[in-house]
Amino acid sequence: MNPSRTPLLLISAVSFAMLAVALILQHVLDMLPCPLCVIQRYLFLAIGIVALVGAYRKPVFYTGLGLLGGLAGLGTAGKHLYVLAHPGLSCGIDPMETVLNKLPAATYLPFLFRADGLCEDATAPFLGLSIPQWSFLGFAAVTVALGWVLLRRRNA
């Protein structure tokens, strides 16, 4: 049995759970996703899929890919937190939103990947933290876990 399977399946589950929470916030609490939120959704989906595949095939390769996705997610969530910390900045209706909304995933799955909100609207706290802060923590946890799996695998 692959010793990396269980951690990779847990990482995949956490990534998909983060997507599920994003959908609940969007469709139940009417919090529209901004372009940076949509990019984070793509990254959580990619990490979830890569970790799931890595649990069954080439764990080192797919864990490395997931780690890159986690680092990109940390950067994106960090940018989102920076925008929130500097109210004069915005990621609102700009070319990034237009490009994201023309991608095939946004066309075929608009309930998941369509950017409609403003980054400044993400400040409403959810269990004491803003949504971008939760996303940053999610990416941090997934990235640390993927790094641990990769180091453990390499040292084995």
N, C-alpha and C. Protein backbone atom coordinates (compact mmCIF):
# COMPACT_ATOMS: atom_id res chain seq x y z
N MET A 1 0.84 -1.19 0.00
CA MET A 1 0.00 0.00 0.00
C MET A 1 0.87 1.24 0.00
N ASN A 2 0.43 2.25 -0.66
CA ASN A 2 1.12 3.52 -0.76
C ASN A 2 0.97 4.27 0.57
N PRO A 3 2.09 4.57 1.29
CA PRO A 3 1.98 5.26 2.58
C PRO A 3 1.49 6.70 2.45
N SER A 4 1.54 7.26 1.26
CA SER A 4 1.09 8.64 1.05
C SER A 4 -0.41 8.72 0.75
N ARG A 5 -1.05 7.58 0.56
CA ARG A 5 -2.44 7.57 0.12
C ARG A 5 -3.37 8.29 1.09
N THR A 6 -3.32 7.95 2.36
CA THR A 6 -4.24 8.54 3.33
C THR A 6 -4.05 10.06 3.45
N PRO A 7 -2.81 10.56 3.61
CA PRO A 7 -2.66 12.02 3.67
C PRO A 7 -3.13 12.72 2.40
N LEU A 8 -2.85 12.13 1.25
CA LEU A 8 -3.27 12.76 0.00
C LEU A 8 -4.80 12.75 -0.14
N LEU A 9 -5.44 11.69 0.31
CA LEU A 9 -6.90 11.67 0.28
C LEU A 9 -7.48 12.71 1.23
N LEU A 10 -6.86 12.90 2.39
CA LEU A 10 -7.31 13.94 3.32
C LEU A 10 -7.11 15.34 2.74
N ILE A 11 -5.99 15.56 2.08
CA ILE A 11 -5.72 16.85 1.44
C ILE A 11 -6.76 17.11 0.36
N SER A 12 -7.07 16.09 -0.41
CA SER A 12 -8.09 16.21 -1.44
C SER A 12 -9.44 16.55 -0.81
N ALA A 13 -9.79 15.88 0.26
CA ALA A 13 -11.07 16.13 0.94
C ALA A 13 -11.14 17.56 1.48
N VAL A 14 -10.05 18.05 2.05
CA VAL A 14 -10.02 19.43 2.56
C VAL A 14 -10.20 20.42 1.42
N SER A 15 -9.55 20.17 0.31
CA SER A 15 -9.67 21.07 -0.85
C SER A 15 -11.10 21.10 -1.38
N PHE A 16 -11.71 19.94 -1.49
CA PHE A 16 -13.10 19.89 -1.96
C PHE A 16 -14.06 20.49 -0.93
N ALA A 17 -13.73 20.34 0.35
CA ALA A 17 -14.56 20.95 1.40
C ALA A 17 -14.49 22.47 1.33
N MET A 18 -13.32 23.01 1.02
CA MET A 18 -13.20 24.47 0.87
C MET A 18 -14.06 24.95 -0.29
N LEU A 19 -14.10 24.18 -1.37
CA LEU A 19 -14.98 24.52 -2.49
C LEU A 19 -16.45 24.45 -2.08
N ALA A 20 -16.81 23.46 -1.31
CA ALA A 20 -18.19 23.32 -0.85
C ALA A 20 -18.59 24.51 0.02
N VAL A 21 -17.70 24.94 0.89
CA VAL A 21 -17.99 26.11 1.73
C VAL A 21 -18.15 27.35 0.86
N ALA A 22 -17.31 27.49 -0.15
CA ALA A 22 -17.43 28.64 -1.07
C ALA A 22 -18.79 28.64 -1.75
N LEU A 23 -19.26 27.47 -2.17
CA LEU A 23 -20.58 27.39 -2.81
C LEU A 23 -21.71 27.72 -1.84
N ILE A 24 -21.58 27.27 -0.60
CA ILE A 24 -22.59 27.59 0.41
C ILE A 24 -22.62 29.09 0.66
N LEU A 25 -21.45 29.70 0.79
CA LEU A 25 -21.39 31.15 1.02
C LEU A 25 -21.99 31.91 -0.16
N GLN A 26 -21.75 31.41 -1.36
CA GLN A 26 -22.26 32.09 -2.55
C GLN A 26 -23.77 31.90 -2.71
N HIS A 27 -24.24 30.68 -2.62
CA HIS A 27 -25.63 30.40 -2.97
C HIS A 27 -26.60 30.46 -1.80
N VAL A 28 -26.11 30.32 -0.58
CA VAL A 28 -26.99 30.41 0.58
C VAL A 28 -26.92 31.80 1.22
N LEU A 29 -25.70 32.32 1.36
CA LEU A 29 -25.52 33.62 2.00
C LEU A 29 -25.37 34.77 1.02
N ASP A 30 -25.51 34.49 -0.27
CA ASP A 30 -25.45 35.51 -1.33
C ASP A 30 -24.16 36.33 -1.32
N MET A 31 -23.03 35.70 -1.07
CA MET A 31 -21.73 36.36 -1.14
C MET A 31 -21.14 36.06 -2.52
N LEU A 32 -21.20 37.03 -3.42
CA LEU A 32 -20.72 36.82 -4.78
C LEU A 32 -19.19 36.75 -4.81
N PRO A 33 -18.62 35.82 -5.59
CA PRO A 33 -17.16 35.70 -5.65
C PRO A 33 -16.54 36.77 -6.55
N CYS A 34 -15.43 37.32 -6.08
CA CYS A 34 -14.68 38.28 -6.88
C CYS A 34 -13.68 37.51 -7.75
N PRO A 35 -12.96 38.19 -8.64
CA PRO A 35 -11.98 37.47 -9.47
C PRO A 35 -10.94 36.70 -8.67
N LEU A 36 -10.44 37.29 -7.58
CA LEU A 36 -9.45 36.57 -6.78
C LEU A 36 -10.06 35.34 -6.10
N CYS A 37 -11.32 35.43 -5.71
CA CYS A 37 -12.01 34.27 -5.13
C CYS A 37 -12.13 33.14 -6.15
N VAL A 38 -12.44 33.51 -7.38
CA VAL A 38 -12.60 32.50 -8.43
C VAL A 38 -11.27 31.82 -8.72
N ILE A 39 -10.18 32.59 -8.74
CA ILE A 39 -8.86 31.99 -8.96
C ILE A 39 -8.56 31.01 -7.84
N GLN A 40 -8.91 31.37 -6.60
CA GLN A 40 -8.70 30.47 -5.47
C GLN A 40 -9.54 29.20 -5.62
N ARG A 41 -10.74 29.33 -6.16
CA ARG A 41 -11.57 28.14 -6.40
C ARG A 41 -10.90 27.21 -7.39
N TYR A 42 -10.38 27.78 -8.48
CA TYR A 42 -9.67 26.96 -9.46
C TYR A 42 -8.50 26.23 -8.79
N LEU A 43 -7.77 26.93 -7.94
CA LEU A 43 -6.61 26.32 -7.30
C LEU A 43 -7.00 25.24 -6.30
N PHE A 44 -8.06 25.46 -5.52
CA PHE A 44 -8.52 24.40 -4.61
C PHE A 44 -8.98 23.18 -5.40
N LEU A 45 -9.68 23.41 -6.51
CA LEU A 45 -10.11 22.29 -7.35
C LEU A 45 -8.90 21.54 -7.90
N ALA A 46 -7.91 22.27 -8.40
CA ALA A 46 -6.72 21.64 -8.95
C ALA A 46 -5.98 20.84 -7.89
N ILE A 47 -5.82 21.41 -6.69
CA ILE A 47 -5.13 20.69 -5.62
C ILE A 47 -5.91 19.43 -5.25
N GLY A 48 -7.22 19.54 -5.16
CA GLY A 48 -8.04 18.38 -4.81
C GLY A 48 -7.90 17.26 -5.83
N ILE A 49 -7.95 17.61 -7.10
CA ILE A 49 -7.84 16.60 -8.16
C ILE A 49 -6.44 16.00 -8.18
N VAL A 50 -5.42 16.84 -8.10
CA VAL A 50 -4.04 16.37 -8.15
C VAL A 50 -3.74 15.47 -6.95
N ALA A 51 -4.21 15.85 -5.76
CA ALA A 51 -3.98 15.00 -4.58
C ALA A 51 -4.71 13.67 -4.71
N LEU A 52 -5.91 13.71 -5.27
CA LEU A 52 -6.68 12.48 -5.47
C LEU A 52 -5.97 11.54 -6.44
N VAL A 53 -5.49 12.08 -7.55
CA VAL A 53 -4.76 11.25 -8.51
C VAL A 53 -3.46 10.76 -7.90
N GLY A 54 -2.78 11.65 -7.16
CA GLY A 54 -1.51 11.28 -6.53
C GLY A 54 -1.64 10.19 -5.49
N ALA A 55 -2.82 10.04 -4.93
CA ALA A 55 -3.02 8.97 -3.95
C ALA A 55 -2.94 7.60 -4.60
N TYR A 56 -3.12 7.54 -5.90
CA TYR A 56 -3.13 6.26 -6.60
C TYR A 56 -2.05 6.11 -7.66
N ARG A 57 -1.46 7.23 -8.11
CA ARG A 57 -0.43 7.17 -9.15
C ARG A 57 0.66 8.19 -8.89
N LYS A 58 1.88 7.83 -9.08
CA LYS A 58 3.04 8.72 -8.99
C LYS A 58 2.89 9.77 -7.89
N PRO A 59 2.90 9.37 -6.62
CA PRO A 59 2.64 10.31 -5.54
C PRO A 59 3.62 11.48 -5.49
N VAL A 60 4.89 11.25 -5.78
CA VAL A 60 5.87 12.34 -5.70
C VAL A 60 5.57 13.41 -6.74
N PHE A 61 5.31 13.00 -7.95
CA PHE A 61 5.03 13.96 -9.03
C PHE A 61 3.77 14.77 -8.72
N TYR A 62 2.69 14.10 -8.38
CA TYR A 62 1.43 14.79 -8.15
C TYR A 62 1.44 15.60 -6.85
N THR A 63 2.18 15.14 -5.87
CA THR A 63 2.32 15.92 -4.64
C THR A 63 3.08 17.21 -4.94
N GLY A 64 4.09 17.12 -5.79
CA GLY A 64 4.83 18.32 -6.21
C GLY A 64 3.93 19.29 -6.95
N LEU A 65 3.09 18.77 -7.84
CA LEU A 65 2.14 19.65 -8.54
C LEU A 65 1.17 20.30 -7.56
N GLY A 66 0.68 19.53 -6.61
CA GLY A 66 -0.22 20.07 -5.60
C GLY A 66 0.46 21.14 -4.77
N LEU A 67 1.73 20.92 -4.46
CA LEU A 67 2.49 21.90 -3.68
C LEU A 67 2.61 23.21 -4.45
N LEU A 68 2.84 23.14 -5.75
CA LEU A 68 2.87 24.35 -6.57
C LEU A 68 1.52 25.06 -6.54
N GLY A 69 0.44 24.30 -6.63
CA GLY A 69 -0.89 24.88 -6.54
C GLY A 69 -1.13 25.53 -5.19
N GLY A 70 -0.65 24.90 -4.13
CA GLY A 70 -0.80 25.47 -2.79
C GLY A 70 -0.04 26.78 -2.65
N LEU A 71 1.16 26.83 -3.20
CA LEU A 71 1.94 28.07 -3.15
C LEU A 71 1.26 29.17 -3.96
N ALA A 72 0.72 28.81 -5.12
CA ALA A 72 -0.03 29.79 -5.92
C ALA A 72 -1.26 30.27 -5.16
N GLY A 73 -1.92 29.37 -4.46
CA GLY A 73 -3.08 29.74 -3.65
C GLY A 73 -2.71 30.68 -2.52
N LEU A 74 -1.58 30.41 -1.86
CA LEU A 74 -1.11 31.32 -0.81
C LEU A 74 -0.85 32.71 -1.38
N GLY A 75 -0.26 32.76 -2.57
CA GLY A 75 0.01 34.05 -3.20
C GLY A 75 -1.28 34.78 -3.55
N THR A 76 -2.25 34.06 -4.10
CA THR A 76 -3.52 34.67 -4.48
C THR A 76 -4.30 35.14 -3.25
N ALA A 77 -4.37 34.30 -2.23
CA ALA A 77 -5.07 34.69 -1.00
C ALA A 77 -4.33 35.84 -0.32
N GLY A 78 -3.01 35.83 -0.37
CA GLY A 78 -2.23 36.94 0.18
C GLY A 78 -2.52 38.24 -0.55
N LYS A 79 -2.62 38.17 -1.87
CA LYS A 79 -2.98 39.36 -2.66
C LYS A 79 -4.36 39.86 -2.27
N HIS A 80 -5.29 38.93 -2.05
CA HIS A 80 -6.64 39.29 -1.65
C HIS A 80 -6.62 39.99 -0.29
N LEU A 81 -5.85 39.48 0.64
CA LEU A 81 -5.72 40.12 1.95
C LEU A 81 -5.08 41.49 1.83
N TYR A 82 -4.13 41.64 0.92
CA TYR A 82 -3.49 42.93 0.69
C TYR A 82 -4.51 43.94 0.17
N VAL A 83 -5.35 43.50 -0.76
CA VAL A 83 -6.39 44.38 -1.30
C VAL A 83 -7.35 44.82 -0.19
N LEU A 84 -7.71 43.89 0.69
CA LEU A 84 -8.60 44.23 1.80
C LEU A 84 -7.94 45.19 2.79
N ALA A 85 -6.63 45.05 2.99
CA ALA A 85 -5.92 45.91 3.93
C ALA A 85 -5.68 47.31 3.38
N HIS A 86 -5.79 47.47 2.08
CA HIS A 86 -5.58 48.77 1.43
C HIS A 86 -6.86 49.13 0.66
N PRO A 87 -7.80 49.80 1.33
CA PRO A 87 -9.12 50.05 0.74
C PRO A 87 -9.11 50.80 -0.59
N GLY A 88 -8.08 51.54 -0.89
CA GLY A 88 -8.03 52.26 -2.16
C GLY A 88 -7.83 51.34 -3.35
N LEU A 89 -7.30 50.15 -3.11
CA LEU A 89 -7.07 49.19 -4.19
C LEU A 89 -8.36 48.42 -4.48
N SER A 90 -8.45 47.89 -5.65
CA SER A 90 -9.61 47.10 -5.99
C SER A 90 -9.23 46.07 -7.03
N CYS A 91 -9.93 44.97 -7.00
CA CYS A 91 -9.78 43.99 -8.07
C CYS A 91 -11.12 43.87 -8.78
N GLY A 92 -11.96 44.85 -8.58
CA GLY A 92 -13.34 44.84 -9.06
C GLY A 92 -13.50 44.53 -10.53
N ILE A 93 -14.31 45.26 -11.21
CA ILE A 93 -14.58 44.99 -12.62
C ILE A 93 -13.37 45.46 -13.41
N ASP A 94 -12.59 44.53 -13.80
CA ASP A 94 -11.36 44.82 -14.52
C ASP A 94 -11.14 43.73 -15.57
N PRO A 95 -10.08 43.84 -16.34
CA PRO A 95 -9.85 42.83 -17.38
C PRO A 95 -9.73 41.41 -16.85
N MET A 96 -9.22 41.26 -15.61
CA MET A 96 -9.10 39.92 -15.05
C MET A 96 -10.47 39.26 -14.93
N GLU A 97 -11.47 40.02 -14.51
CA GLU A 97 -12.82 39.46 -14.37
C GLU A 97 -13.37 39.04 -15.74
N THR A 98 -13.14 39.88 -16.74
CA THR A 98 -13.63 39.58 -18.08
C THR A 98 -12.99 38.30 -18.61
N VAL A 99 -11.68 38.17 -18.42
CA VAL A 99 -10.97 36.97 -18.89
C VAL A 99 -11.47 35.73 -18.15
N LEU A 100 -11.61 35.83 -16.82
CA LEU A 100 -12.08 34.68 -16.04
C LEU A 100 -13.47 34.24 -16.47
N ASN A 101 -14.34 35.20 -16.75
CA ASN A 101 -15.72 34.87 -17.11
C ASN A 101 -15.86 34.33 -18.53
N LYS A 102 -14.79 34.43 -19.33
CA LYS A 102 -14.84 33.89 -20.69
C LYS A 102 -14.18 32.51 -20.79
N LEU A 103 -13.59 32.04 -19.69
CA LEU A 103 -13.00 30.70 -19.70
C LEU A 103 -14.12 29.65 -19.83
N PRO A 104 -13.82 28.52 -20.45
CA PRO A 104 -14.85 27.49 -20.62
C PRO A 104 -15.49 27.05 -19.31
N ALA A 105 -14.69 26.95 -18.24
CA ALA A 105 -15.26 26.52 -16.96
C ALA A 105 -16.31 27.51 -16.47
N ALA A 106 -16.08 28.80 -16.65
CA ALA A 106 -17.07 29.81 -16.23
C ALA A 106 -18.29 29.78 -17.13
N THR A 107 -18.11 29.40 -18.37
CA THR A 107 -19.24 29.32 -19.30
C THR A 107 -20.13 28.12 -18.98
N TYR A 108 -19.49 26.97 -18.71
CA TYR A 108 -20.25 25.75 -18.48
C TYR A 108 -20.64 25.53 -17.01
N LEU A 109 -19.89 26.13 -16.09
CA LEU A 109 -20.18 25.99 -14.66
C LEU A 109 -20.23 27.38 -14.01
N PRO A 110 -21.13 28.24 -14.44
CA PRO A 110 -21.15 29.61 -13.90
C PRO A 110 -21.46 29.67 -12.41
N PHE A 111 -22.19 28.68 -11.90
CA PHE A 111 -22.50 28.66 -10.47
C PHE A 111 -21.25 28.50 -9.62
N LEU A 112 -20.16 28.05 -10.21
CA LEU A 112 -18.92 27.80 -9.48
C LEU A 112 -17.81 28.78 -9.84
N PHE A 113 -17.71 29.14 -11.12
CA PHE A 113 -16.54 29.89 -11.58
C PHE A 113 -16.83 31.27 -12.17
N ARG A 114 -18.01 31.82 -12.01
CA ARG A 114 -18.31 33.14 -12.55
C ARG A 114 -17.98 34.20 -11.50
N ALA A 115 -17.14 35.16 -11.86
CA ALA A 115 -16.76 36.25 -10.96
C ALA A 115 -17.76 37.39 -11.11
N ASP A 116 -18.43 37.72 -10.01
CA ASP A 116 -19.43 38.79 -10.02
C ASP A 116 -19.23 39.82 -8.92
N GLY A 117 -18.47 39.49 -7.90
CA GLY A 117 -18.38 40.36 -6.74
C GLY A 117 -17.15 41.24 -6.75
N LEU A 118 -17.05 42.05 -5.71
CA LEU A 118 -15.89 42.91 -5.51
C LEU A 118 -15.06 42.35 -4.36
N CYS A 119 -13.76 42.49 -4.46
CA CYS A 119 -12.88 41.96 -3.41
C CYS A 119 -13.14 42.62 -2.06
N GLU A 120 -13.56 43.87 -2.09
CA GLU A 120 -13.80 44.60 -0.84
C GLU A 120 -15.01 44.05 -0.09
N ASP A 121 -15.89 43.32 -0.75
CA ASP A 121 -17.09 42.78 -0.10
C ASP A 121 -16.79 41.55 0.75
N ALA A 122 -15.58 41.05 0.71
CA ALA A 122 -15.24 39.81 1.41
C ALA A 122 -14.88 40.04 2.88
N THR A 123 -15.18 41.21 3.41
CA THR A 123 -14.76 41.52 4.78
C THR A 123 -15.73 41.01 5.84
N ALA A 124 -16.91 40.58 5.46
CA ALA A 124 -17.88 40.07 6.44
C ALA A 124 -17.28 38.86 7.15
N PRO A 125 -17.19 38.90 8.47
CA PRO A 125 -16.54 37.78 9.18
C PRO A 125 -17.41 36.52 9.17
N PHE A 126 -16.72 35.43 9.10
CA PHE A 126 -17.35 34.11 9.18
C PHE A 126 -16.57 33.36 10.25
N LEU A 127 -17.19 33.13 11.40
CA LEU A 127 -16.54 32.52 12.56
C LEU A 127 -15.29 33.31 12.97
N GLY A 128 -15.38 34.64 12.90
CA GLY A 128 -14.32 35.51 13.40
C GLY A 128 -13.27 35.94 12.40
N LEU A 129 -13.22 35.31 11.23
CA LEU A 129 -12.23 35.68 10.22
C LEU A 129 -12.93 36.03 8.91
N SER A 130 -12.29 36.87 8.11
CA SER A 130 -12.85 37.16 6.79
C SER A 130 -12.66 35.93 5.90
N ILE A 131 -13.41 35.88 4.83
CA ILE A 131 -13.33 34.73 3.92
C ILE A 131 -11.92 34.58 3.34
N PRO A 132 -11.26 35.66 2.91
CA PRO A 132 -9.89 35.49 2.41
C PRO A 132 -8.92 34.99 3.48
N GLN A 133 -9.16 35.34 4.73
CA GLN A 133 -8.31 34.81 5.80
C GLN A 133 -8.50 33.30 5.94
N TRP A 134 -9.75 32.84 5.86
CA TRP A 134 -10.02 31.40 5.91
C TRP A 134 -9.37 30.70 4.71
N SER A 135 -9.47 31.33 3.56
CA SER A 135 -8.87 30.74 2.36
C SER A 135 -7.35 30.64 2.52
N PHE A 136 -6.74 31.70 3.04
CA PHE A 136 -5.30 31.68 3.26
C PHE A 136 -4.92 30.55 4.21
N LEU A 137 -5.68 30.40 5.30
CA LEU A 137 -5.41 29.31 6.25
C LEU A 137 -5.59 27.94 5.59
N GLY A 138 -6.61 27.82 4.74
CA GLY A 138 -6.82 26.56 4.02
C GLY A 138 -5.65 26.23 3.11
N PHE A 139 -5.18 27.24 2.35
CA PHE A 139 -4.03 27.01 1.48
C PHE A 139 -2.78 26.71 2.29
N ALA A 140 -2.62 27.40 3.44
CA ALA A 140 -1.44 27.14 4.28
C ALA A 140 -1.46 25.70 4.79
N ALA A 141 -2.61 25.24 5.26
CA ALA A 141 -2.72 23.87 5.78
C ALA A 141 -2.44 22.85 4.69
N VAL A 142 -3.02 23.06 3.53
CA VAL A 142 -2.84 22.12 2.41
C VAL A 142 -1.39 22.13 1.94
N THR A 143 -0.78 23.30 1.87
CA THR A 143 0.61 23.41 1.41
C THR A 143 1.56 22.74 2.39
N VAL A 144 1.36 22.98 3.68
CA VAL A 144 2.21 22.33 4.69
C VAL A 144 2.04 20.81 4.62
N ALA A 145 0.81 20.36 4.49
CA ALA A 145 0.55 18.92 4.42
C ALA A 145 1.20 18.31 3.18
N LEU A 146 1.09 18.98 2.05
CA LEU A 146 1.71 18.46 0.83
C LEU A 146 3.23 18.44 0.95
N GLY A 147 3.79 19.48 1.55
CA GLY A 147 5.24 19.50 1.77
C GLY A 147 5.68 18.37 2.68
N TRP A 148 4.88 18.11 3.72
CA TRP A 148 5.19 17.01 4.63
C TRP A 148 5.15 15.67 3.90
N VAL A 149 4.12 15.47 3.08
CA VAL A 149 4.00 14.22 2.32
C VAL A 149 5.19 14.07 1.38
N LEU A 150 5.56 15.15 0.72
CA LEU A 150 6.68 15.09 -0.22
C LEU A 150 7.99 14.79 0.49
N LEU A 151 8.25 15.45 1.62
CA LEU A 151 9.48 15.19 2.37
C LEU A 151 9.49 13.76 2.93
N ARG A 152 8.38 13.33 3.44
CA ARG A 152 8.28 11.97 3.99
C ARG A 152 8.51 10.93 2.89
N ARG A 153 7.98 11.21 1.73
CA ARG A 153 8.12 10.28 0.59
C ARG A 153 9.55 10.23 0.10
N ARG A 154 10.18 11.40 0.03
CA ARG A 154 11.58 11.47 -0.45
C ARG A 154 12.54 10.81 0.52
N ASN A 155 12.26 10.92 1.82
CA ASN A 155 13.15 10.35 2.82
C ASN A 155 12.92 8.85 3.02
N ALA A 156 11.84 8.32 2.46
CA ALA A 156 11.54 6.91 2.66
C ALA A 156 12.38 6.03 1.76
